[in-house]
């Protein structure tokens, strides 16, 4: 039988409060992990990082996929507050819009470390 050390009520409460306090950052990290879990989204992020802003049709042409497929990926990224869209005439364009410095650091670290 394995002997387990049970947490005291004080330790449980301390950990619960710590997780609640850091809930926003945990959500941000979760969103970034979700975005980085798809190769197409990583390619889109690389393009956005390089060009700062780019139109959906240009991304679709570069990636050789449909505009609707790119739009779907970008809308998911928009819900995670990673990109912002704007219209330029008939074109829909996006720009990288990450306001959380920790998330920017995580993204830069991941892309710079793993993508050459």
PDB file of N, CA and C in Angstrom:
ATOM      1  N   UNK A   1       0.840  -1.179   0.000  1.00  0.00           N
ATOM      2  CA  UNK A   1       0.000   0.000   0.000  1.00  0.00           C
ATOM      3  C   UNK A   1       0.886   1.243   0.000  1.00  0.00           C
ATOM      4  N   UNK A   2       0.542   2.174  -0.873  1.00  0.00           N
ATOM      5  CA  UNK A   2       1.295   3.416  -0.979  1.00  0.00           C
ATOM      6  C   UNK A   2       0.779   4.399   0.049  1.00  0.00           C
ATOM      7  N   UNK A   3       1.724   4.966   0.777  1.00  0.00           N
ATOM      8  CA  UNK A   3       1.356   5.967   1.771  1.00  0.00           C
ATOM      9  C   UNK A   3       1.260   7.323   1.069  1.00  0.00           C
ATOM     10  N   UNK A   4       0.150   7.971   1.219  1.00  0.00           N
ATOM     11  CA  UNK A   4      -0.059   9.276   0.598  1.00  0.00           C
ATOM     12  C   UNK A   4      -0.103  10.348   1.663  1.00  0.00           C
ATOM     13  N   UNK A   5       0.480  11.460   1.313  1.00  0.00           N
ATOM     14  CA  UNK A   5       0.383  12.617   2.199  1.00  0.00           C
ATOM     15  C   UNK A   5      -0.821  13.444   1.775  1.00  0.00           C
ATOM     16  N   UNK A   6      -1.786  13.524   2.611  1.00  0.00           N
ATOM     17  CA  UNK A   6      -2.984  14.293   2.316  1.00  0.00           C
ATOM     18  C   UNK A   6      -2.720  15.762   2.602  1.00  0.00           C
ATOM     19  N   UNK A   7      -3.279  16.612   1.784  1.00  0.00           N
ATOM     20  CA  UNK A   7      -3.147  18.041   2.014  1.00  0.00           C
ATOM     21  C   UNK A   7      -4.024  18.463   3.176  1.00  0.00           C
ATOM     22  N   UNK A   8      -3.544  19.443   3.901  1.00  0.00           N
ATOM     23  CA  UNK A   8      -4.362  20.004   4.967  1.00  0.00           C
ATOM     24  C   UNK A   8      -5.427  20.898   4.341  1.00  0.00           C
ATOM     25  N   UNK A   9      -6.429  21.219   5.095  1.00  0.00           N
ATOM     26  CA  UNK A   9      -7.483  22.111   4.590  1.00  0.00           C
ATOM     27  C   UNK A   9      -6.885  23.463   4.210  1.00  0.00           C
ATOM     28  N   UNK A  10      -5.902  23.922   4.970  1.00  0.00           N
ATOM     29  CA  UNK A  10      -5.237  25.189   4.682  1.00  0.00           C
ATOM     30  C   UNK A  10      -4.501  25.119   3.333  1.00  0.00           C
ATOM     31  N   UNK A  11      -3.840  24.003   3.056  1.00  0.00           N
ATOM     32  CA  UNK A  11      -3.128  23.834   1.785  1.00  0.00           C
ATOM     33  C   UNK A  11      -4.107  23.775   0.612  1.00  0.00           C
ATOM     34  N   UNK A  12      -5.212  23.077   0.804  1.00  0.00           N
ATOM     35  CA  UNK A  12      -6.235  22.992  -0.242  1.00  0.00           C
ATOM     36  C   UNK A  12      -6.760  24.391  -0.557  1.00  0.00           C
ATOM     37  N   UNK A  13      -7.101  25.151   0.455  1.00  0.00           N
ATOM     38  CA  UNK A  13      -7.622  26.496   0.271  1.00  0.00           C
ATOM     39  C   UNK A  13      -6.584  27.408  -0.398  1.00  0.00           C
ATOM     40  N   UNK A  14      -5.336  27.296   0.018  1.00  0.00           N
ATOM     41  CA  UNK A  14      -4.259  28.103  -0.563  1.00  0.00           C
ATOM     42  C   UNK A  14      -4.109  27.804  -2.053  1.00  0.00           C
ATOM     43  N   UNK A  15      -4.119  26.524  -2.424  1.00  0.00           N
ATOM     44  CA  UNK A  15      -3.986  26.139  -3.828  1.00  0.00           C
ATOM     45  C   UNK A  15      -5.208  26.549  -4.649  1.00  0.00           C
ATOM     46  N   UNK A  16      -6.378  26.424  -4.049  1.00  0.00           N
ATOM     47  CA  UNK A  16      -7.607  26.822  -4.733  1.00  0.00           C
ATOM     48  C   UNK A  16      -7.570  28.321  -5.025  1.00  0.00           C
ATOM     49  N   UNK A  17      -7.171  29.118  -4.053  1.00  0.00           N
ATOM     50  CA  UNK A  17      -7.080  30.571  -4.232  1.00  0.00           C
ATOM     51  C   UNK A  17      -6.021  30.938  -5.266  1.00  0.00           C
ATOM     52  N   UNK A  18      -4.902  30.224  -5.251  1.00  0.00           N
ATOM     53  CA  UNK A  18      -3.835  30.480  -6.221  1.00  0.00           C
ATOM     54  C   UNK A  18      -4.330  30.220  -7.639  1.00  0.00           C
ATOM     55  N   UNK A  19      -5.051  29.122  -7.846  1.00  0.00           N
ATOM     56  CA  UNK A  19      -5.589  28.810  -9.171  1.00  0.00           C
ATOM     57  C   UNK A  19      -6.633  29.837  -9.604  1.00  0.00           C
ATOM     58  N   UNK A  20      -7.484  30.270  -8.678  1.00  0.00           N
ATOM     59  CA  UNK A  20      -8.482  31.292  -8.999  1.00  0.00           C
ATOM     60  C   UNK A  20      -7.811  32.611  -9.361  1.00  0.00           C
ATOM     61  N   UNK A  21      -6.783  32.966  -8.611  1.00  0.00           N
ATOM     62  CA  UNK A  21      -6.045  34.210  -8.840  1.00  0.00           C
ATOM     63  C   UNK A  21      -5.383  34.208 -10.219  1.00  0.00           C
ATOM     64  N   UNK A  22      -4.920  33.065 -10.665  1.00  0.00           N
ATOM     65  CA  UNK A  22      -4.212  32.943 -11.931  1.00  0.00           C
ATOM     66  C   UNK A  22      -5.091  32.441 -13.073  1.00  0.00           C
ATOM     67  N   UNK A  23      -6.393  32.449 -12.855  1.00  0.00           N
ATOM     68  CA  UNK A  23      -7.325  31.932 -13.854  1.00  0.00           C
ATOM     69  C   UNK A  23      -7.198  32.596 -15.210  1.00  0.00           C
ATOM     70  N   UNK A  24      -6.993  33.912 -15.240  1.00  0.00           N
ATOM     71  CA  UNK A  24      -6.872  34.632 -16.507  1.00  0.00           C
ATOM     72  C   UNK A  24      -5.645  34.142 -17.283  1.00  0.00           C
ATOM     73  N   UNK A  25      -4.526  34.008 -16.612  1.00  0.00           N
ATOM     74  CA  UNK A  25      -3.303  33.563 -17.285  1.00  0.00           C
ATOM     75  C   UNK A  25      -3.393  32.096 -17.708  1.00  0.00           C
ATOM     76  N   UNK A  26      -4.073  31.311 -16.926  1.00  0.00           N
ATOM     77  CA  UNK A  26      -4.278  29.903 -17.293  1.00  0.00           C
ATOM     78  C   UNK A  26      -5.129  29.820 -18.558  1.00  0.00           C
ATOM     79  N   UNK A  27      -6.164  30.645 -18.648  1.00  0.00           N
ATOM     80  CA  UNK A  27      -7.023  30.689 -19.843  1.00  0.00           C
ATOM     81  C   UNK A  27      -6.220  31.134 -21.057  1.00  0.00           C
ATOM     82  N   UNK A  28      -5.384  32.139 -20.901  1.00  0.00           N
ATOM     83  CA  UNK A  28      -4.553  32.632 -21.997  1.00  0.00           C
ATOM     84  C   UNK A  28      -3.608  31.540 -22.481  1.00  0.00           C
ATOM     85  N   UNK A  29      -2.972  30.846 -21.568  1.00  0.00           N
ATOM     86  CA  UNK A  29      -2.062  29.767 -21.936  1.00  0.00           C
ATOM     87  C   UNK A  29      -2.813  28.637 -22.622  1.00  0.00           C
ATOM     88  N   UNK A  30      -3.993  28.332 -22.137  1.00  0.00           N
ATOM     89  CA  UNK A  30      -4.813  27.295 -22.752  1.00  0.00           C
ATOM     90  C   UNK A  30      -5.197  27.678 -24.177  1.00  0.00           C
ATOM     91  N   UNK A  31      -5.599  28.944 -24.373  1.00  0.00           N
ATOM     92  CA  UNK A  31      -5.953  29.426 -25.705  1.00  0.00           C
ATOM     93  C   UNK A  31      -4.761  29.329 -26.652  1.00  0.00           C
ATOM     94  N   UNK A  32      -3.591  29.735 -26.177  1.00  0.00           N
ATOM     95  CA  UNK A  32      -2.402  29.675 -27.020  1.00  0.00           C
ATOM     96  C   UNK A  32      -2.053  28.234 -27.371  1.00  0.00           C
ATOM     97  N   UNK A  33      -2.140  27.332 -26.409  1.00  0.00           N
ATOM     98  CA  UNK A  33      -1.874  25.916 -26.685  1.00  0.00           C
ATOM     99  C   UNK A  33      -2.855  25.376 -27.723  1.00  0.00           C
ATOM    100  N   UNK A  34      -4.105  25.793 -27.613  1.00  0.00           N
ATOM    101  CA  UNK A  34      -5.113  25.365 -28.580  1.00  0.00           C
ATOM    102  C   UNK A  34      -4.770  25.871 -29.980  1.00  0.00           C
ATOM    103  N   UNK A  35      -4.363  27.120 -30.084  1.00  0.00           N
ATOM    104  CA  UNK A  35      -3.986  27.686 -31.380  1.00  0.00           C
ATOM    105  C   UNK A  35      -2.784  26.947 -31.944  1.00  0.00           C
ATOM    106  N   UNK A  36      -1.803  26.654 -31.100  1.00  0.00           N
ATOM    107  CA  UNK A  36      -0.578  25.999 -31.554  1.00  0.00           C
ATOM    108  C   UNK A  36      -0.760  24.505 -31.814  1.00  0.00           C
ATOM    109  N   UNK A  37      -1.947  23.989 -31.558  1.00  0.00           N
ATOM    110  CA  UNK A  37      -2.178  22.552 -31.758  1.00  0.00           C
ATOM    111  C   UNK A  37      -2.532  22.202 -33.205  1.00  0.00           C
ATOM    112  N   UNK A  38      -2.651  23.210 -34.052  1.00  0.00           N
ATOM    113  CA  UNK A  38      -3.046  22.967 -35.440  1.00  0.00           C
ATOM    114  C   UNK A  38      -1.984  23.531 -36.387  1.00  0.00           C
ATOM    115  N   UNK A  39      -1.466  22.711 -37.304  1.00  0.00           N
ATOM    116  CA  UNK A  39      -0.416  23.172 -38.223  1.00  0.00           C
ATOM    117  C   UNK A  39      -0.828  24.375 -39.084  1.00  0.00           C
ATOM    118  N   UNK A  40      -2.081  24.417 -39.511  1.00  0.00           N
ATOM    119  CA  UNK A  40      -2.536  25.546 -40.328  1.00  0.00           C
ATOM    120  C   UNK A  40      -2.523  26.835 -39.519  1.00  0.00           C
ATOM    121  N   UNK A  41      -2.956  26.765 -38.271  1.00  0.00           N
ATOM    122  CA  UNK A  41      -2.944  27.963 -37.432  1.00  0.00           C
ATOM    123  C   UNK A  41      -1.512  28.422 -37.150  1.00  0.00           C
ATOM    124  N   UNK A  42      -0.593  27.497 -36.987  1.00  0.00           N
ATOM    125  CA  UNK A  42       0.810  27.878 -36.787  1.00  0.00           C
ATOM    126  C   UNK A  42       1.332  28.592 -38.028  1.00  0.00           C
ATOM    127  N   UNK A  43       1.000  28.087 -39.203  1.00  0.00           N
ATOM    128  CA  UNK A  43       1.427  28.740 -40.445  1.00  0.00           C
ATOM    129  C   UNK A  43       0.837  30.144 -40.547  1.00  0.00           C
ATOM    130  N   UNK A  44      -0.421  30.286 -40.178  1.00  0.00           N
ATOM    131  CA  UNK A  44      -1.066  31.604 -40.193  1.00  0.00           C
ATOM    132  C   UNK A  44      -0.369  32.544 -39.212  1.00  0.00           C
ATOM    133  N   UNK A  45      -0.058  32.048 -38.020  1.00  0.00           N
ATOM    134  CA  UNK A  45       0.653  32.865 -37.042  1.00  0.00           C
ATOM    135  C   UNK A  45       2.011  33.312 -37.568  1.00  0.00           C
ATOM    136  N   UNK A  46       2.712  32.409 -38.228  1.00  0.00           N
ATOM    137  CA  UNK A  46       4.016  32.769 -38.800  1.00  0.00           C
ATOM    138  C   UNK A  46       3.864  33.862 -39.855  1.00  0.00           C
ATOM    139  N   UNK A  47       2.844  33.746 -40.694  1.00  0.00           N
ATOM    140  CA  UNK A  47       2.603  34.782 -41.699  1.00  0.00           C
ATOM    141  C   UNK A  47       2.252  36.114 -41.046  1.00  0.00           C
ATOM    142  N   UNK A  48       1.412  36.071 -40.024  1.00  0.00           N
ATOM    143  CA  UNK A  48       1.040  37.300 -39.322  1.00  0.00           C
ATOM    144  C   UNK A  48       2.237  37.914 -38.601  1.00  0.00           C
ATOM    145  N   UNK A  49       3.060  37.070 -38.040  1.00  0.00           N
ATOM    146  CA  UNK A  49       4.253  37.569 -37.342  1.00  0.00           C
ATOM    147  C   UNK A  49       5.190  38.245 -38.344  1.00  0.00           C
ATOM    148  N   UNK A  50       5.302  37.672 -39.525  1.00  0.00           N
ATOM    149  CA  UNK A  50       6.198  38.213 -40.549  1.00  0.00           C
ATOM    150  C   UNK A  50       5.644  39.498 -41.174  1.00  0.00           C
ATOM    151  N   UNK A  51       4.354  39.484 -41.566  1.00  0.00           N
ATOM    152  CA  UNK A  51       3.771  40.614 -42.279  1.00  0.00           C
ATOM    153  C   UNK A  51       3.055  41.625 -41.387  1.00  0.00           C
ATOM    154  N   UNK A  52       2.835  41.288 -40.141  1.00  0.00           N
ATOM    155  CA  UNK A  52       2.093  42.118 -39.177  1.00  0.00           C
ATOM    156  C   UNK A  52       0.596  42.129 -39.456  1.00  0.00           C
ATOM    157  N   UNK A  53       0.200  42.257 -40.718  1.00  0.00           N
ATOM    158  CA  UNK A  53      -1.206  42.160 -41.103  1.00  0.00           C
ATOM    159  C   UNK A  53      -1.265  41.597 -42.513  1.00  0.00           C
ATOM    160  N   UNK A  54      -2.322  40.845 -42.774  1.00  0.00           N
ATOM    161  CA  UNK A  54      -2.439  40.173 -44.074  1.00  0.00           C
ATOM    162  C   UNK A  54      -3.907  39.832 -44.331  1.00  0.00           C
ATOM    163  N   UNK A  55      -4.288  39.845 -45.587  1.00  0.00           N
ATOM    164  CA  UNK A  55      -5.677  39.545 -45.967  1.00  0.00           C
ATOM    165  C   UNK A  55      -5.901  38.037 -46.069  1.00  0.00           C
ATOM    166  N   UNK A  56      -7.123  37.634 -45.800  1.00  0.00           N
ATOM    167  CA  UNK A  56      -7.508  36.222 -45.821  1.00  0.00           C
ATOM    168  C   UNK A  56      -7.207  35.596 -47.177  1.00  0.00           C
ATOM    169  N   UNK A  57      -7.505  36.311 -48.238  1.00  0.00           N
ATOM    170  CA  UNK A  57      -7.277  35.756 -49.575  1.00  0.00           C
ATOM    171  C   UNK A  57      -5.792  35.512 -49.843  1.00  0.00           C
ATOM    172  N   UNK A  58      -4.939  36.376 -49.319  1.00  0.00           N
ATOM    173  CA  UNK A  58      -3.493  36.178 -49.485  1.00  0.00           C
ATOM    174  C   UNK A  58      -3.013  34.958 -48.697  1.00  0.00           C
ATOM    175  N   UNK A  59      -3.519  34.804 -47.483  1.00  0.00           N
ATOM    176  CA  UNK A  59      -3.159  33.631 -46.674  1.00  0.00           C
ATOM    177  C   UNK A  59      -3.597  32.363 -47.401  1.00  0.00           C
ATOM    178  N   UNK A  60      -4.817  32.368 -47.919  1.00  0.00           N
ATOM    179  CA  UNK A  60      -5.336  31.195 -48.628  1.00  0.00           C
ATOM    180  C   UNK A  60      -4.461  30.858 -49.834  1.00  0.00           C
ATOM    181  N   UNK A  61      -4.041  31.869 -50.569  1.00  0.00           N
ATOM    182  CA  UNK A  61      -3.178  31.638 -51.730  1.00  0.00           C
ATOM    183  C   UNK A  61      -1.822  31.070 -51.320  1.00  0.00           C
ATOM    184  N   UNK A  62      -1.237  31.640 -50.281  1.00  0.00           N
ATOM    185  CA  UNK A  62       0.073  31.177 -49.818  1.00  0.00           C
ATOM    186  C   UNK A  62      -0.002  29.741 -49.321  1.00  0.00           C
ATOM    187  N   UNK A  63      -1.046  29.431 -48.552  1.00  0.00           N
ATOM    188  CA  UNK A  63      -1.175  28.095 -47.965  1.00  0.00           C
ATOM    189  C   UNK A  63      -1.813  27.089 -48.922  1.00  0.00           C
ATOM    190  N   UNK A  64      -2.330  27.581 -50.029  1.00  0.00           N
ATOM    191  CA  UNK A  64      -2.990  26.734 -51.015  1.00  0.00           C
ATOM    192  C   UNK A  64      -4.188  25.987 -50.410  1.00  0.00           C
ATOM    193  N   UNK A  65      -5.005  26.755 -49.689  1.00  0.00           N
ATOM    194  CA  UNK A  65      -6.245  26.236 -49.108  1.00  0.00           C
ATOM    195  C   UNK A  65      -7.359  27.221 -49.436  1.00  0.00           C
ATOM    196  N   UNK A  66      -8.584  26.853 -49.143  1.00  0.00           N
ATOM    197  CA  UNK A  66      -9.718  27.724 -49.456  1.00  0.00           C
ATOM    198  C   UNK A  66      -9.781  28.917 -48.503  1.00  0.00           C
ATOM    199  N   UNK A  67     -10.407  29.971 -48.984  1.00  0.00           N
ATOM    200  CA  UNK A  67     -10.615  31.157 -48.164  1.00  0.00           C
ATOM    201  C   UNK A  67     -11.465  30.809 -46.950  1.00  0.00           C
ATOM    202  N   UNK A  68     -12.465  29.951 -47.134  1.00  0.00           N
ATOM    203  CA  UNK A  68     -13.328  29.583 -46.003  1.00  0.00           C
ATOM    204  C   UNK A  68     -12.551  28.805 -44.935  1.00  0.00           C
ATOM    205  N   UNK A  69     -11.595  27.974 -45.356  1.00  0.00           N
ATOM    206  CA  UNK A  69     -10.780  27.230 -44.383  1.00  0.00           C
ATOM    207  C   UNK A  69      -9.919  28.195 -43.561  1.00  0.00           C
ATOM    208  N   UNK A  70      -9.345  29.188 -44.227  1.00  0.00           N
ATOM    209  CA  UNK A  70      -8.533  30.188 -43.522  1.00  0.00           C
ATOM    210  C   UNK A  70      -9.417  31.016 -42.599  1.00  0.00           C
ATOM    211  N   UNK A  71     -10.580  31.425 -43.095  1.00  0.00           N
ATOM    212  CA  UNK A  71     -11.513  32.222 -42.279  1.00  0.00           C
ATOM    213  C   UNK A  71     -11.929  31.473 -41.029  1.00  0.00           C
ATOM    214  N   UNK A  72     -12.166  30.182 -41.168  1.00  0.00           N
ATOM    215  CA  UNK A  72     -12.549  29.354 -40.020  1.00  0.00           C
ATOM    216  C   UNK A  72     -11.441  29.362 -38.967  1.00  0.00           C
ATOM    217  N   UNK A  73     -10.198  29.166 -39.393  1.00  0.00           N
ATOM    218  CA  UNK A  73      -9.072  29.148 -38.456  1.00  0.00           C
ATOM    219  C   UNK A  73      -8.888  30.518 -37.808  1.00  0.00           C
ATOM    220  N   UNK A  74      -9.015  31.561 -38.605  1.00  0.00           N
ATOM    221  CA  UNK A  74      -8.841  32.912 -38.075  1.00  0.00           C
ATOM    222  C   UNK A  74      -9.953  33.309 -37.112  1.00  0.00           C
ATOM    223  N   UNK A  75     -11.166  32.853 -37.353  1.00  0.00           N
ATOM    224  CA  UNK A  75     -12.255  33.182 -36.424  1.00  0.00           C
ATOM    225  C   UNK A  75     -12.028  32.520 -35.071  1.00  0.00           C
ATOM    226  N   UNK A  76     -11.479  31.311 -35.095  1.00  0.00           N
ATOM    227  CA  UNK A  76     -11.137  30.646 -33.835  1.00  0.00           C
ATOM    228  C   UNK A  76     -10.029  31.416 -33.106  1.00  0.00           C
ATOM    229  N   UNK A  77      -9.062  31.901 -33.861  1.00  0.00           N
ATOM    230  CA  UNK A  77      -7.969  32.685 -33.275  1.00  0.00           C
ATOM    231  C   UNK A  77      -8.481  34.036 -32.762  1.00  0.00           C
ATOM    232  N   UNK A  78      -9.463  34.575 -33.440  1.00  0.00           N
ATOM    233  CA  UNK A  78     -10.063  35.845 -33.009  1.00  0.00           C
ATOM    234  C   UNK A  78     -10.800  35.674 -31.681  1.00  0.00           C
ATOM    235  N   UNK A  79     -11.517  34.561 -31.532  1.00  0.00           N
ATOM    236  CA  UNK A  79     -12.223  34.292 -30.266  1.00  0.00           C
ATOM    237  C   UNK A  79     -11.247  34.149 -29.102  1.00  0.00           C
ATOM    238  N   UNK A  80     -10.006  33.762 -29.398  1.00  0.00           N
ATOM    239  CA  UNK A  80      -8.974  33.627 -28.364  1.00  0.00           C
ATOM    240  C   UNK A  80      -8.191  34.921 -28.173  1.00  0.00           C
ATOM    241  N   UNK A  81      -8.643  36.000 -28.825  1.00  0.00           N
ATOM    242  CA  UNK A  81      -8.005  37.313 -28.714  1.00  0.00           C
ATOM    243  C   UNK A  81      -6.547  37.311 -29.166  1.00  0.00           C
ATOM    244  N   UNK A  82      -6.265  36.549 -30.206  1.00  0.00           N
ATOM    245  CA  UNK A  82      -4.909  36.476 -30.741  1.00  0.00           C
ATOM    246  C   UNK A  82      -4.794  37.330 -32.000  1.00  0.00           C
ATOM    247  N   UNK A  83      -5.882  37.454 -32.734  1.00  0.00           N
ATOM    248  CA  UNK A  83      -5.896  38.272 -33.942  1.00  0.00           C
ATOM    249  C   UNK A  83      -7.105  39.212 -33.909  1.00  0.00           C
ATOM    250  N   UNK A  84      -6.995  40.269 -34.700  1.00  0.00           N
ATOM    251  CA  UNK A  84      -8.090  41.220 -34.870  1.00  0.00           C
ATOM    252  C   UNK A  84      -8.327  41.371 -36.360  1.00  0.00           C
ATOM    253  N   UNK A  85      -9.593  41.439 -36.737  1.00  0.00           N
ATOM    254  CA  UNK A  85      -9.894  41.590 -38.161  1.00  0.00           C
ATOM    255  C   UNK A  85     -10.397  42.984 -38.459  1.00  0.00           C
ATOM    256  N   UNK A  86     -10.170  43.373 -39.690  1.00  0.00           N
ATOM    257  CA  UNK A  86     -10.708  44.626 -40.188  1.00  0.00           C
ATOM    258  C   UNK A  86     -10.967  44.465 -41.675  1.00  0.00           C
ATOM    259  N   UNK A  87     -11.827  45.312 -42.207  1.00  0.00           N
ATOM    260  CA  UNK A  87     -12.155  45.236 -43.636  1.00  0.00           C
ATOM    261  C   UNK A  87     -11.419  46.344 -44.378  1.00  0.00           C
ATOM    262  N   UNK A  88     -10.919  45.951 -45.552  1.00  0.00           N
ATOM    263  CA  UNK A  88     -10.265  46.894 -46.440  1.00  0.00           C
ATOM    264  C   UNK A  88     -10.967  46.754 -47.793  1.00  0.00           C
ATOM    265  N   UNK A  89     -12.027  47.548 -47.968  1.00  0.00           N
ATOM    266  CA  UNK A  89     -12.865  47.390 -49.154  1.00  0.00           C
ATOM    267  C   UNK A  89     -13.623  46.074 -49.057  1.00  0.00           C
ATOM    268  N   UNK A  90     -13.440  45.225 -50.065  1.00  0.00           N
ATOM    269  CA  UNK A  90     -14.098  43.916 -50.068  1.00  0.00           C
ATOM    270  C   UNK A  90     -13.261  42.850 -49.358  1.00  0.00           C
ATOM    271  N   UNK A  91     -12.044  43.194 -48.988  1.00  0.00           N
ATOM    272  CA  UNK A  91     -11.138  42.222 -48.385  1.00  0.00           C
ATOM    273  C   UNK A  91     -11.211  42.250 -46.863  1.00  0.00           C
ATOM    274  N   UNK A  92     -11.094  41.080 -46.270  1.00  0.00           N
ATOM    275  CA  UNK A  92     -11.009  40.959 -44.815  1.00  0.00           C
ATOM    276  C   UNK A  92      -9.557  40.659 -44.486  1.00  0.00           C
ATOM    277  N   UNK A  93      -8.992  41.484 -43.630  1.00  0.00           N
ATOM    278  CA  UNK A  93      -7.591  41.326 -43.243  1.00  0.00           C
ATOM    279  C   UNK A  93      -7.501  41.122 -41.730  1.00  0.00           C
ATOM    280  N   UNK A  94      -6.397  40.556 -41.311  1.00  0.00           N
ATOM    281  CA  UNK A  94      -6.169  40.293 -39.889  1.00  0.00           C
ATOM    282  C   UNK A  94      -4.801  40.802 -39.486  1.00  0.00           C
ATOM    283  N   UNK A  95      -4.693  41.133 -38.207  1.00  0.00           N
ATOM    284  CA  UNK A  95      -3.399  41.475 -37.648  1.00  0.00           C
ATOM    285  C   UNK A  95      -3.246  40.775 -36.319  1.00  0.00           C
ATOM    286  N   UNK A  96      -2.006  40.495 -35.984  1.00  0.00           N
ATOM    287  CA  UNK A  96      -1.702  39.845 -34.720  1.00  0.00           C
ATOM    288  C   UNK A  96      -1.988  40.842 -33.612  1.00  0.00           C
ATOM    289  N   UNK A  97      -2.791  40.471 -32.657  1.00  0.00           N
ATOM    290  CA  UNK A  97      -3.246  41.390 -31.623  1.00  0.00           C
ATOM    291  C   UNK A  97      -3.187  40.695 -30.272  1.00  0.00           C
ATOM    292  N   UNK A  98      -1.996  40.576 -29.756  1.00  0.00           N
ATOM    293  CA  UNK A  98      -1.837  39.930 -28.456  1.00  0.00           C
ATOM    294  C   UNK A  98      -1.419  41.000 -27.466  1.00  0.00           C
ATOM    295  N   UNK A  99      -2.278  41.275 -26.497  1.00  0.00           N
ATOM    296  CA  UNK A  99      -2.006  42.330 -25.523  1.00  0.00           C
ATOM    297  C   UNK A  99      -1.339  41.815 -24.258  1.00  0.00           C
ATOM    298  N   UNK A 100      -1.378  40.527 -24.047  1.00  0.00           N
ATOM    299  CA  UNK A 100      -0.798  39.951 -22.843  1.00  0.00           C
ATOM    300  C   UNK A 100       0.685  39.652 -23.093  1.00  0.00           C
ATOM    301  N   UNK A 101       1.567  40.303 -22.335  1.00  0.00           N
ATOM    302  CA  UNK A 101       3.013  40.160 -22.551  1.00  0.00           C
ATOM    303  C   UNK A 101       3.497  38.731 -22.344  1.00  0.00           C
ATOM    304  N   UNK A 102       2.903  38.022 -21.388  1.00  0.00           N
ATOM    305  CA  UNK A 102       3.298  36.630 -21.163  1.00  0.00           C
ATOM    306  C   UNK A 102       2.965  35.776 -22.385  1.00  0.00           C
ATOM    307  N   UNK A 103       1.796  36.037 -22.971  1.00  0.00           N
ATOM    308  CA  UNK A 103       1.384  35.268 -24.141  1.00  0.00           C
ATOM    309  C   UNK A 103       2.297  35.570 -25.332  1.00  0.00           C
ATOM    310  N   UNK A 104       2.675  36.841 -25.506  1.00  0.00           N
ATOM    311  CA  UNK A 104       3.598  37.211 -26.579  1.00  0.00           C
ATOM    312  C   UNK A 104       4.920  36.483 -26.387  1.00  0.00           C
ATOM    313  N   UNK A 105       5.398  36.466 -25.146  1.00  0.00           N
ATOM    314  CA  UNK A 105       6.651  35.771 -24.848  1.00  0.00           C
ATOM    315  C   UNK A 105       6.570  34.286 -25.135  1.00  0.00           C
ATOM    316  N   UNK A 106       5.464  33.675 -24.743  1.00  0.00           N
ATOM    317  CA  UNK A 106       5.279  32.240 -24.999  1.00  0.00           C
ATOM    318  C   UNK A 106       5.229  31.961 -26.495  1.00  0.00           C
ATOM    319  N   UNK A 107       4.507  32.790 -27.230  1.00  0.00           N
ATOM    320  CA  UNK A 107       4.382  32.609 -28.673  1.00  0.00           C
ATOM    321  C   UNK A 107       5.738  32.781 -29.353  1.00  0.00           C
ATOM    322  N   UNK A 108       6.424  33.860 -29.029  1.00  0.00           N
ATOM    323  CA  UNK A 108       7.745  34.104 -29.620  1.00  0.00           C
ATOM    324  C   UNK A 108       8.708  32.976 -29.290  1.00  0.00           C
ATOM    325  N   UNK A 109       8.691  32.540 -28.044  1.00  0.00           N
ATOM    326  CA  UNK A 109       9.579  31.459 -27.615  1.00  0.00           C
ATOM    327  C   UNK A 109       9.304  30.182 -28.401  1.00  0.00           C
ATOM    328  N   UNK A 110       8.028  29.850 -28.545  1.00  0.00           N
ATOM    329  CA  UNK A 110       7.660  28.623 -29.255  1.00  0.00           C
ATOM    330  C   UNK A 110       8.041  28.712 -30.737  1.00  0.00           C
ATOM    331  N   UNK A 111       7.673  29.803 -31.384  1.00  0.00           N
ATOM    332  CA  UNK A 111       7.925  29.937 -32.810  1.00  0.00           C
ATOM    333  C   UNK A 111       9.415  30.060 -33.118  1.00  0.00           C
ATOM    334  N   UNK A 112      10.137  30.834 -32.314  1.00  0.00           N
ATOM    335  CA  UNK A 112      11.564  31.029 -32.551  1.00  0.00           C
ATOM    336  C   UNK A 112      12.366  29.764 -32.258  1.00  0.00           C
ATOM    337  N   UNK A 113      11.908  29.007 -31.279  1.00  0.00           N
ATOM    338  CA  UNK A 113      12.636  27.806 -30.859  1.00  0.00           C
ATOM    339  C   UNK A 113      12.409  26.647 -31.812  1.00  0.00           C
ATOM    340  N   UNK A 114      11.195  26.528 -32.335  1.00  0.00           N
ATOM    341  CA  UNK A 114      10.829  25.335 -33.099  1.00  0.00           C
ATOM    342  C   UNK A 114      10.719  25.542 -34.607  1.00  0.00           C
ATOM    343  N   UNK A 115      10.676  26.784 -35.045  1.00  0.00           N
ATOM    344  CA  UNK A 115      10.524  27.068 -36.472  1.00  0.00           C
ATOM    345  C   UNK A 115      11.762  27.824 -36.936  1.00  0.00           C
ATOM    346  N   UNK A 116      12.440  27.293 -37.932  1.00  0.00           N
ATOM    347  CA  UNK A 116      13.677  27.940 -38.419  1.00  0.00           C
ATOM    348  C   UNK A 116      13.449  28.596 -39.745  1.00  0.00           C
TER     349      UNK A 116
END
